Amino acid sequence: MTRIVEALKSTFGLGTRSRDWSVDIGGAGPCGSVTYRDTSGMLACYWEFGGGDTVATIGVGTEAEWTRHHRWAAARRTEILRRIADEVIRQKAPGCRAEIDDQGGFINIR
């Protein structure tokens, strides 16, 4: 658990590039940002350390918020949330799992 917490505390994640999208993780202290980019646009989310069995929570916004603020991504929301969740785990929390709370607009890393 300590290793995971220390990894999440790192100042900036290097990000990973796939053919046409990336997820970059930044932060200092108990919170930071997660930025998703692809050929259609960019969206920024925030993360903060969790409690109990939750290592971190990523606020991604609700479906209605995406429809208002990220129209370019709204139809692909499920795909993008999965990409974000998988990349956060790969980059910062290996061995953890993600629970996507679609209705609440959060990804919980446990």
C-alpha atoms as a PDB file:
ATOM      1  CA  MET A   1       0.000   0.000   0.000  1.00  0.00           C
ATOM      2  CA  THR A   2       2.802   2.427   0.840  1.00  0.00           C
ATOM      3  CA  ARG A   3       4.371   1.868  -2.569  1.00  0.00           C
ATOM      4  CA  ILE A   4       1.099   2.755  -4.282  1.00  0.00           C
ATOM      5  CA  VAL A   5       0.619   5.880  -2.164  1.00  0.00           C
ATOM      6  CA  GLU A   6       4.177   7.031  -2.875  1.00  0.00           C
ATOM      7  CA  ALA A   7       3.706   6.455  -6.591  1.00  0.00           C
ATOM      8  CA  LEU A   8       0.555   8.582  -6.571  1.00  0.00           C
ATOM      9  CA  LYS A   9       2.373  11.332  -4.701  1.00  0.00           C
ATOM     10  CA  SER A  10       4.948  11.739  -7.466  1.00  0.00           C
ATOM     11  CA  THR A  11       4.967  15.222  -8.814  1.00  0.00           C
ATOM     12  CA  PHE A  12       4.168  14.431 -12.434  1.00  0.00           C
ATOM     13  CA  GLY A  13       3.328  11.283 -14.282  1.00  0.00           C
ATOM     14  CA  LEU A  14       5.056  10.733 -17.589  1.00  0.00           C
ATOM     15  CA  GLY A  15       1.836   9.852 -19.340  1.00  0.00           C
ATOM     16  CA  THR A  16       1.499   7.181 -21.933  1.00  0.00           C
ATOM     17  CA  ARG A  17       0.744   7.610 -25.569  1.00  0.00           C
ATOM     18  CA  SER A  18      -1.325   5.241 -27.582  1.00  0.00           C
ATOM     19  CA  ARG A  19      -1.797   5.706 -31.303  1.00  0.00           C
ATOM     20  CA  ASP A  20      -4.150   8.638 -30.891  1.00  0.00           C
ATOM     21  CA  TRP A  21      -4.752   9.275 -27.185  1.00  0.00           C
ATOM     22  CA  SER A  22      -2.888   9.892 -23.929  1.00  0.00           C
ATOM     23  CA  VAL A  23      -3.468  10.116 -20.199  1.00  0.00           C
ATOM     24  CA  ASP A  24      -1.183  12.342 -18.146  1.00  0.00           C
ATOM     25  CA  ILE A  25      -1.203  12.421 -14.360  1.00  0.00           C
ATOM     26  CA  GLY A  26       0.127  15.327 -12.332  1.00  0.00           C
ATOM     27  CA  GLY A  27      -0.017  16.436  -8.768  1.00  0.00           C
ATOM     28  CA  ALA A  28       1.672  17.326  -5.554  1.00  0.00           C
ATOM     29  CA  GLY A  29       0.505  16.405  -2.105  1.00  0.00           C
ATOM     30  CA  PRO A  30      -2.924  14.877  -1.631  1.00  0.00           C
ATOM     31  CA  CYS A  31      -4.435  15.769  -5.026  1.00  0.00           C
ATOM     32  CA  GLY A  32      -3.717  16.508  -8.632  1.00  0.00           C
ATOM     33  CA  SER A  33      -4.945  16.301 -12.190  1.00  0.00           C
ATOM     34  CA  VAL A  34      -5.606  13.638 -14.784  1.00  0.00           C
ATOM     35  CA  THR A  35      -5.653  14.914 -18.351  1.00  0.00           C
ATOM     36  CA  TYR A  36      -7.059  12.902 -21.228  1.00  0.00           C
ATOM     37  CA  ARG A  37      -6.200  13.928 -24.785  1.00  0.00           C
ATOM     38  CA  ASP A  38      -7.086  12.464 -28.129  1.00  0.00           C
ATOM     39  CA  THR A  39      -7.367  13.719 -31.683  1.00  0.00           C
ATOM     40  CA  SER A  40     -10.783  15.242 -30.941  1.00  0.00           C
ATOM     41  CA  GLY A  41      -9.946  17.239 -27.819  1.00  0.00           C
ATOM     42  CA  MET A  42      -8.784  17.360 -24.224  1.00  0.00           C
ATOM     43  CA  LEU A  43     -10.489  17.061 -20.866  1.00  0.00           C
ATOM     44  CA  ALA A  44      -9.098  17.563 -17.392  1.00  0.00           C
ATOM     45  CA  CYS A  45     -10.212  15.713 -14.275  1.00  0.00           C
ATOM     46  CA  TYR A  46      -8.964  15.841 -10.713  1.00  0.00           C
ATOM     47  CA  TRP A  47      -7.787  13.122  -8.359  1.00  0.00           C
ATOM     48  CA  GLU A  48      -7.433  13.005  -4.610  1.00  0.00           C
ATOM     49  CA  PHE A  49      -6.307  10.360  -2.140  1.00  0.00           C
ATOM     50  CA  GLY A  50      -9.089   8.222  -0.753  1.00  0.00           C
ATOM     51  CA  GLY A  51      -9.675   6.592   2.599  1.00  0.00           C
ATOM     52  CA  GLY A  52     -10.262   3.043   3.725  1.00  0.00           C
ATOM     53  CA  ASP A  53      -9.762   0.674   0.807  1.00  0.00           C
ATOM     54  CA  THR A  54      -9.850   3.502  -1.755  1.00  0.00           C
ATOM     55  CA  VAL A  55      -6.363   4.580  -2.808  1.00  0.00           C
ATOM     56  CA  ALA A  56      -7.569   7.490  -4.930  1.00  0.00           C
ATOM     57  CA  THR A  57     -10.739   8.949  -6.369  1.00  0.00           C
ATOM     58  CA  ILE A  58     -10.814  10.624  -9.768  1.00  0.00           C
ATOM     59  CA  GLY A  59     -13.607  13.134 -10.381  1.00  0.00           C
ATOM     60  CA  VAL A  60     -14.587  12.781 -14.032  1.00  0.00           C
ATOM     61  CA  GLY A  61     -17.929  14.559 -14.101  1.00  0.00           C
ATOM     62  CA  THR A  62     -21.394  13.275 -14.795  1.00  0.00           C
ATOM     63  CA  GLU A  63     -22.895  12.403 -18.153  1.00  0.00           C
ATOM     64  CA  ALA A  64     -24.870  15.664 -18.105  1.00  0.00           C
ATOM     65  CA  GLU A  65     -21.684  17.658 -17.457  1.00  0.00           C
ATOM     66  CA  TRP A  66     -19.961  15.952 -20.374  1.00  0.00           C
ATOM     67  CA  THR A  67     -22.928  16.750 -22.625  1.00  0.00           C
ATOM     68  CA  ARG A  68     -22.636  20.435 -21.636  1.00  0.00           C
ATOM     69  CA  HIS A  69     -18.860  20.846 -21.508  1.00  0.00           C
ATOM     70  CA  HIS A  70     -17.309  18.042 -23.574  1.00  0.00           C
ATOM     71  CA  ARG A  71     -19.725  17.396 -26.435  1.00  0.00           C
ATOM     72  CA  TRP A  72     -16.922  16.007 -28.567  1.00  0.00           C
ATOM     73  CA  ALA A  73     -16.452  13.190 -26.024  1.00  0.00           C
ATOM     74  CA  ALA A  74     -19.970  12.564 -24.678  1.00  0.00           C
ATOM     75  CA  ALA A  75     -20.824   9.734 -27.073  1.00  0.00           C
ATOM     76  CA  ARG A  76     -17.524   7.996 -26.190  1.00  0.00           C
ATOM     77  CA  ARG A  77     -17.702   8.585 -22.441  1.00  0.00           C
ATOM     78  CA  THR A  78     -17.633   4.904 -21.414  1.00  0.00           C
ATOM     79  CA  GLU A  79     -14.596   4.235 -23.621  1.00  0.00           C
ATOM     80  CA  ILE A  80     -12.747   7.307 -22.332  1.00  0.00           C
ATOM     81  CA  LEU A  81     -13.483   6.538 -18.672  1.00  0.00           C
ATOM     82  CA  ARG A  82     -12.134   3.002 -19.155  1.00  0.00           C
ATOM     83  CA  ARG A  83      -8.987   4.397 -20.798  1.00  0.00           C
ATOM     84  CA  ILE A  84      -8.454   6.811 -17.910  1.00  0.00           C
ATOM     85  CA  ALA A  85      -9.025   4.091 -15.295  1.00  0.00           C
ATOM     86  CA  ASP A  86      -6.716   1.599 -16.997  1.00  0.00           C
ATOM     87  CA  GLU A  87      -3.936   4.140 -17.509  1.00  0.00           C
ATOM     88  CA  VAL A  88      -4.048   5.438 -13.928  1.00  0.00           C
ATOM     89  CA  ILE A  89      -3.694   1.870 -12.690  1.00  0.00           C
ATOM     90  CA  ARG A  90      -0.939   1.055 -15.170  1.00  0.00           C
ATOM     91  CA  GLN A  91       1.042   4.218 -14.438  1.00  0.00           C
ATOM     92  CA  LYS A  92       0.503   4.755 -10.724  1.00  0.00           C
ATOM     93  CA  ALA A  93      -1.322   1.913  -8.995  1.00  0.00           C
ATOM     94  CA  PRO A  94      -0.363  -1.513 -10.364  1.00  0.00           C
ATOM     95  CA  GLY A  95      -2.251  -4.295  -8.634  1.00  0.00           C
ATOM     96  CA  CYS A  96      -5.263  -2.093  -7.953  1.00  0.00           C
ATOM     97  CA  ARG A  97      -8.628  -2.171  -9.683  1.00  0.00           C
ATOM     98  CA  ALA A  98     -10.928   0.602 -10.841  1.00  0.00           C
ATOM     99  CA  GLU A  99     -14.592   0.998 -10.063  1.00  0.00           C
ATOM    100  CA  ILE A 100     -16.291   3.433 -12.403  1.00  0.00           C
ATOM    101  CA  ASP A 101     -19.261   5.204 -10.817  1.00  0.00           C
ATOM    102  CA  ASP A 102     -20.839   6.384 -14.042  1.00  0.00           C
ATOM    103  CA  GLN A 103     -23.817   8.064 -12.421  1.00  0.00           C
ATOM    104  CA  GLY A 104     -21.810   9.858  -9.734  1.00  0.00           C
ATOM    105  CA  GLY A 105     -18.998  10.842 -12.083  1.00  0.00           C
ATOM    106  CA  PHE A 106     -16.103   9.191 -10.237  1.00  0.00           C
ATOM    107  CA  ILE A 107     -13.493   6.514 -10.760  1.00  0.00           C
ATOM    108  CA  ASN A 108     -12.435   4.880  -7.496  1.00  0.00           C
ATOM    109  CA  ILE A 109      -9.043   3.149  -7.474  1.00  0.00           C
ATOM    110  CA  ARG A 110      -8.980   0.319  -4.928  1.00  0.00           C
END
